[in-house]
């Protein structure tokens, strides 16, 4: 019979534990930096001033769509994943309608940032479907009573704006400034570090094939030949 004498030290030395902890921490930091880099690369670069090339709105319970013949879209990047936007659209026969907000890129989609005033927190709803190719961008916006389809061309920030859009555009700029100030600086609002998603209603148009054909057409021709009307003062 063989006997073993002496003690076997199975407890790691403190120095070894510290090294392992440091290595683990470094691995975590590298993984976080890699994820941030990937997310930054994957986030579409959509900022800029855009003028309308083609657009229409399809309202619920209507047979025909309503052409948009004047519109402007302003997008400003405010963080790695967040973009502030202001849009003014004029459907034929109606007064201009504007909208502003913040789009947040998450899992390959743009979501709309909102404020739940009753519970004082930030939450997200479905935003815009966006595609971009060279100087062209398309947006599909699903709202409660309509689906808005627009194709835009990037233009110079100081290009002229239709006179009929200017008053509405100025009001939307002021509204956006107030919204951005509150959602960014109000210490009472929670949810900034969370992604709280509220379903905002299901889209009621399942087939966007007509619009996708328009998009394909515009992206296969020379964008320099596209007219946006940004030099027209009416």
Protein backbone atom coordinates (compact mmCIF):
# COMPACT_ATOMS: atom_id res chain seq x y z
CA UNK A 1 0.00 0.00 0.00
CA UNK A 2 1.23 3.41 -0.93
CA UNK A 3 0.52 6.43 1.17
CA UNK A 4 0.74 10.07 0.19
CA UNK A 5 2.19 12.41 2.69
CA UNK A 6 2.13 16.20 2.78
CA UNK A 7 -0.53 18.69 1.71
CA UNK A 8 -1.60 19.62 -1.80
CA UNK A 9 -2.40 23.34 -2.15
CA UNK A 10 -5.56 23.39 -4.31
CA UNK A 11 -6.39 27.05 -3.61
CA UNK A 12 -5.06 29.47 -6.26
CA UNK A 13 -2.64 32.04 -5.06
CA UNK A 14 -3.97 35.59 -4.68
CA UNK A 15 -1.68 36.79 -7.46
CA UNK A 16 -3.08 34.17 -9.84
CA UNK A 17 -6.64 35.18 -8.97
CA UNK A 18 -5.87 38.82 -9.68
CA UNK A 19 -4.37 37.95 -13.06
CA UNK A 20 -7.43 35.90 -14.00
CA UNK A 21 -9.75 38.72 -12.94
CA UNK A 22 -7.77 41.25 -14.96
CA UNK A 23 -7.77 38.99 -18.03
CA UNK A 24 -11.53 38.46 -17.72
CA UNK A 25 -12.15 42.19 -17.37
CA UNK A 26 -10.01 42.90 -20.43
CA UNK A 27 -11.96 40.31 -22.45
CA UNK A 28 -15.25 41.92 -21.40
CA UNK A 29 -13.99 45.39 -22.35
CA UNK A 30 -12.75 44.15 -25.74
CA UNK A 31 -16.12 42.50 -26.42
CA UNK A 32 -17.98 45.71 -25.50
CA UNK A 33 -15.73 47.83 -27.72
CA UNK A 34 -16.18 45.38 -30.59
CA UNK A 35 -19.97 45.47 -30.19
CA UNK A 36 -19.97 49.29 -30.10
CA UNK A 37 -17.84 49.38 -33.25
CA UNK A 38 -20.11 46.92 -35.06
CA UNK A 39 -23.24 48.86 -34.05
CA UNK A 40 -21.67 52.12 -35.17
CA UNK A 41 -20.75 50.64 -38.54
CA UNK A 42 -24.17 49.04 -39.02
CA UNK A 43 -26.08 52.23 -38.22
CA UNK A 44 -27.08 53.85 -41.49
CA UNK A 45 -25.61 57.26 -42.16
CA UNK A 46 -28.79 59.14 -43.06
CA UNK A 47 -28.17 62.68 -41.81
CA UNK A 48 -28.68 65.57 -44.20
CA UNK A 49 -31.25 67.72 -46.02
CA UNK A 50 -33.52 65.88 -48.45
CA UNK A 51 -36.04 67.10 -51.03
CA UNK A 52 -38.92 65.09 -52.41
CA UNK A 53 -38.55 63.15 -55.65
CA UNK A 54 -41.77 61.16 -55.47
CA UNK A 55 -44.30 60.50 -52.75
CA UNK A 56 -47.86 59.70 -51.88
CA UNK A 57 -50.05 58.90 -48.90
CA UNK A 58 -52.48 56.01 -48.78
CA UNK A 59 -55.24 56.69 -46.27
CA UNK A 60 -57.27 54.03 -44.54
CA UNK A 61 -60.66 53.29 -46.12
CA UNK A 62 -59.81 55.08 -49.37
CA UNK A 63 -59.42 53.65 -52.84
CA UNK A 64 -56.95 56.10 -54.37
CA UNK A 65 -53.67 57.35 -53.01
CA UNK A 66 -53.00 61.04 -52.46
CA UNK A 67 -49.90 62.39 -54.24
CA UNK A 68 -47.39 64.46 -52.28
CA UNK A 69 -46.00 67.19 -54.48
CA UNK A 70 -44.02 69.29 -51.99
CA UNK A 71 -41.93 68.04 -49.09
CA UNK A 72 -38.70 68.52 -47.20
CA UNK A 73 -36.90 66.22 -44.77
CA UNK A 74 -34.15 67.28 -42.35
CA UNK A 75 -32.16 64.67 -40.42
CA UNK A 76 -29.45 65.38 -37.87
CA UNK A 77 -27.32 62.79 -36.10
CA UNK A 78 -27.36 63.41 -32.34
CA UNK A 79 -25.62 60.23 -31.09
CA UNK A 80 -24.25 56.94 -32.38
CA UNK A 81 -27.75 55.54 -32.81
CA UNK A 82 -30.10 58.52 -32.57
CA UNK A 83 -31.20 60.91 -35.32
CA UNK A 84 -33.41 63.94 -34.91
CA UNK A 85 -35.73 64.57 -37.86
CA UNK A 86 -38.18 67.18 -39.12
CA UNK A 87 -40.42 66.52 -42.11
CA UNK A 88 -43.04 68.71 -43.82
CA UNK A 89 -45.22 67.23 -46.54
CA UNK A 90 -47.97 68.77 -48.66
CA UNK A 91 -50.51 66.39 -50.12
CA UNK A 92 -52.36 67.74 -53.14
CA UNK A 93 -55.40 69.74 -52.04
CA UNK A 94 -54.44 69.84 -48.35
CA UNK A 95 -52.47 72.23 -46.17
CA UNK A 96 -48.85 71.26 -45.27
CA UNK A 97 -48.46 68.81 -42.40
CA UNK A 98 -45.30 68.53 -40.33
CA UNK A 99 -43.81 66.05 -37.92
CA UNK A 100 -40.67 65.93 -35.79
CA UNK A 101 -39.07 63.39 -33.52
CA UNK A 102 -36.07 61.25 -32.76
CA UNK A 103 -35.35 58.00 -34.57
CA UNK A 104 -33.29 55.42 -32.70
CA UNK A 105 -31.53 52.59 -34.56
CA UNK A 106 -31.94 49.21 -32.84
CA UNK A 107 -31.50 45.74 -34.32
CA UNK A 108 -31.42 47.00 -37.92
CA UNK A 109 -34.57 49.13 -37.60
CA UNK A 110 -35.44 52.72 -36.79
CA UNK A 111 -37.77 53.22 -33.85
CA UNK A 112 -39.45 56.40 -32.67
CA UNK A 113 -38.51 57.80 -29.28
CA UNK A 114 -41.53 58.92 -27.26
CA UNK A 115 -42.30 60.38 -23.85
CA UNK A 116 -44.82 58.70 -21.55
CA UNK A 117 -45.76 61.87 -19.66
CA UNK A 118 -48.01 60.06 -17.14
CA UNK A 119 -45.25 57.69 -16.01
CA UNK A 120 -42.37 60.07 -16.83
CA UNK A 121 -40.34 57.68 -18.92
CA UNK A 122 -38.99 57.26 -22.43
CA UNK A 123 -40.31 54.47 -24.61
CA UNK A 124 -40.14 53.39 -28.26
CA UNK A 125 -42.65 52.66 -31.00
CA UNK A 126 -42.37 51.65 -34.65
CA UNK A 127 -40.72 54.45 -36.60
CA UNK A 128 -39.83 54.59 -40.27
CA UNK A 129 -38.71 51.96 -42.72
CA UNK A 130 -35.67 53.56 -44.34
CA UNK A 131 -33.43 52.55 -47.20
CA UNK A 132 -30.59 54.55 -48.69
CA UNK A 133 -28.63 54.24 -51.90
CA UNK A 134 -26.07 56.87 -52.88
CA UNK A 135 -27.87 60.24 -52.70
CA UNK A 136 -31.37 58.69 -52.60
CA UNK A 137 -33.36 57.73 -49.53
CA UNK A 138 -36.78 56.23 -49.15
CA UNK A 139 -39.07 56.37 -46.13
CA UNK A 140 -42.23 54.45 -45.30
CA UNK A 141 -44.10 55.80 -42.29
CA UNK A 142 -47.03 53.88 -40.82
CA UNK A 143 -49.37 56.10 -38.83
CA UNK A 144 -52.81 55.53 -37.38
CA UNK A 145 -54.84 56.41 -40.45
CA UNK A 146 -52.38 56.35 -43.34
CA UNK A 147 -49.19 54.99 -44.81
CA UNK A 148 -46.79 57.60 -46.18
CA UNK A 149 -44.41 56.66 -48.99
CA UNK A 150 -41.64 59.03 -50.03
CA UNK A 151 -38.48 58.95 -52.12
CA UNK A 152 -35.97 61.71 -51.39
CA UNK A 153 -32.80 63.09 -52.87
CA UNK A 154 -30.08 64.60 -50.74
CA UNK A 155 -29.58 68.29 -51.42
CA UNK A 156 -27.52 71.21 -50.22
CA UNK A 157 -28.49 72.35 -46.69
CA UNK A 158 -28.96 75.93 -47.89
CA UNK A 159 -31.10 75.09 -50.92
CA UNK A 160 -34.33 77.04 -51.32
CA UNK A 161 -37.50 75.85 -49.63
CA UNK A 162 -40.99 76.15 -51.08
CA UNK A 163 -42.66 79.28 -49.69
CA UNK A 164 -45.78 77.27 -48.87
CA UNK A 165 -43.74 74.97 -46.62
CA UNK A 166 -41.73 77.58 -44.73
CA UNK A 167 -44.17 78.52 -41.96
CA UNK A 168 -44.91 74.89 -41.13
CA UNK A 169 -41.20 74.05 -41.25
CA UNK A 170 -40.39 76.83 -38.78
CA UNK A 171 -43.09 75.65 -36.37
CA UNK A 172 -41.79 72.07 -36.55
CA UNK A 173 -38.24 73.27 -35.87
CA UNK A 174 -39.44 75.05 -32.73
CA UNK A 175 -41.43 72.00 -31.62
CA UNK A 176 -38.45 69.73 -32.19
CA UNK A 177 -36.14 72.00 -30.17
CA UNK A 178 -38.50 71.83 -27.18
CA UNK A 179 -38.94 68.05 -27.51
CA UNK A 180 -35.20 67.45 -27.82
CA UNK A 181 -34.48 69.63 -24.78
CA UNK A 182 -36.97 67.72 -22.63
CA UNK A 183 -36.07 64.21 -23.76
CA UNK A 184 -32.36 64.91 -23.35
CA UNK A 185 -32.20 67.00 -20.19
CA UNK A 186 -35.26 66.34 -18.02
CA UNK A 187 -33.88 64.53 -14.97
CA UNK A 188 -37.32 63.17 -14.06
CA UNK A 189 -37.60 61.08 -17.23
CA UNK A 190 -36.45 57.48 -16.87
CA UNK A 191 -35.76 54.78 -19.45
CA UNK A 192 -32.81 56.42 -21.19
CA UNK A 193 -30.67 53.32 -20.74
CA UNK A 194 -33.44 50.87 -21.62
CA UNK A 195 -35.28 49.86 -24.77
CA UNK A 196 -38.91 49.87 -23.68
CA UNK A 197 -41.01 49.00 -26.72
CA UNK A 198 -44.74 49.70 -27.05
CA UNK A 199 -46.54 48.21 -30.02
CA UNK A 200 -48.05 51.13 -31.88
CA UNK A 201 -50.52 49.26 -34.02
CA UNK A 202 -50.07 46.90 -36.90
CA UNK A 203 -49.61 48.14 -40.42
CA UNK A 204 -52.73 47.69 -42.50
CA UNK A 205 -51.02 47.65 -45.90
CA UNK A 206 -49.08 44.43 -46.27
CA UNK A 207 -48.04 44.84 -49.89
CA UNK A 208 -45.62 47.65 -50.67
CA UNK A 209 -44.72 46.26 -54.10
CA UNK A 210 -45.85 49.36 -56.04
CA UNK A 211 -43.65 51.62 -53.97
CA UNK A 212 -40.74 49.18 -54.15
CA UNK A 213 -40.99 49.23 -57.95
CA UNK A 214 -40.77 53.04 -57.85
CA UNK A 215 -37.71 52.82 -55.62
CA UNK A 216 -36.04 50.32 -57.96
CA UNK A 217 -36.76 52.60 -60.92
CA UNK A 218 -35.26 55.69 -59.32
CA UNK A 219 -32.18 53.86 -58.08
CA UNK A 220 -31.37 52.51 -61.53
CA UNK A 221 -31.35 55.87 -63.32
CA UNK A 222 -28.89 58.72 -63.02
CA UNK A 223 -29.81 60.62 -59.86
CA UNK A 224 -28.50 63.83 -61.42
CA UNK A 225 -31.47 63.72 -63.78
CA UNK A 226 -33.99 63.69 -60.94
CA UNK A 227 -35.88 66.91 -60.27
CA UNK A 228 -36.80 67.84 -56.72
CA UNK A 229 -38.06 71.39 -57.14
CA UNK A 230 -35.77 72.77 -54.44
CA UNK A 231 -35.01 75.77 -56.61
CA UNK A 232 -38.64 76.69 -57.08
CA UNK A 233 -39.95 79.52 -54.95
CA UNK A 234 -43.66 78.80 -54.75
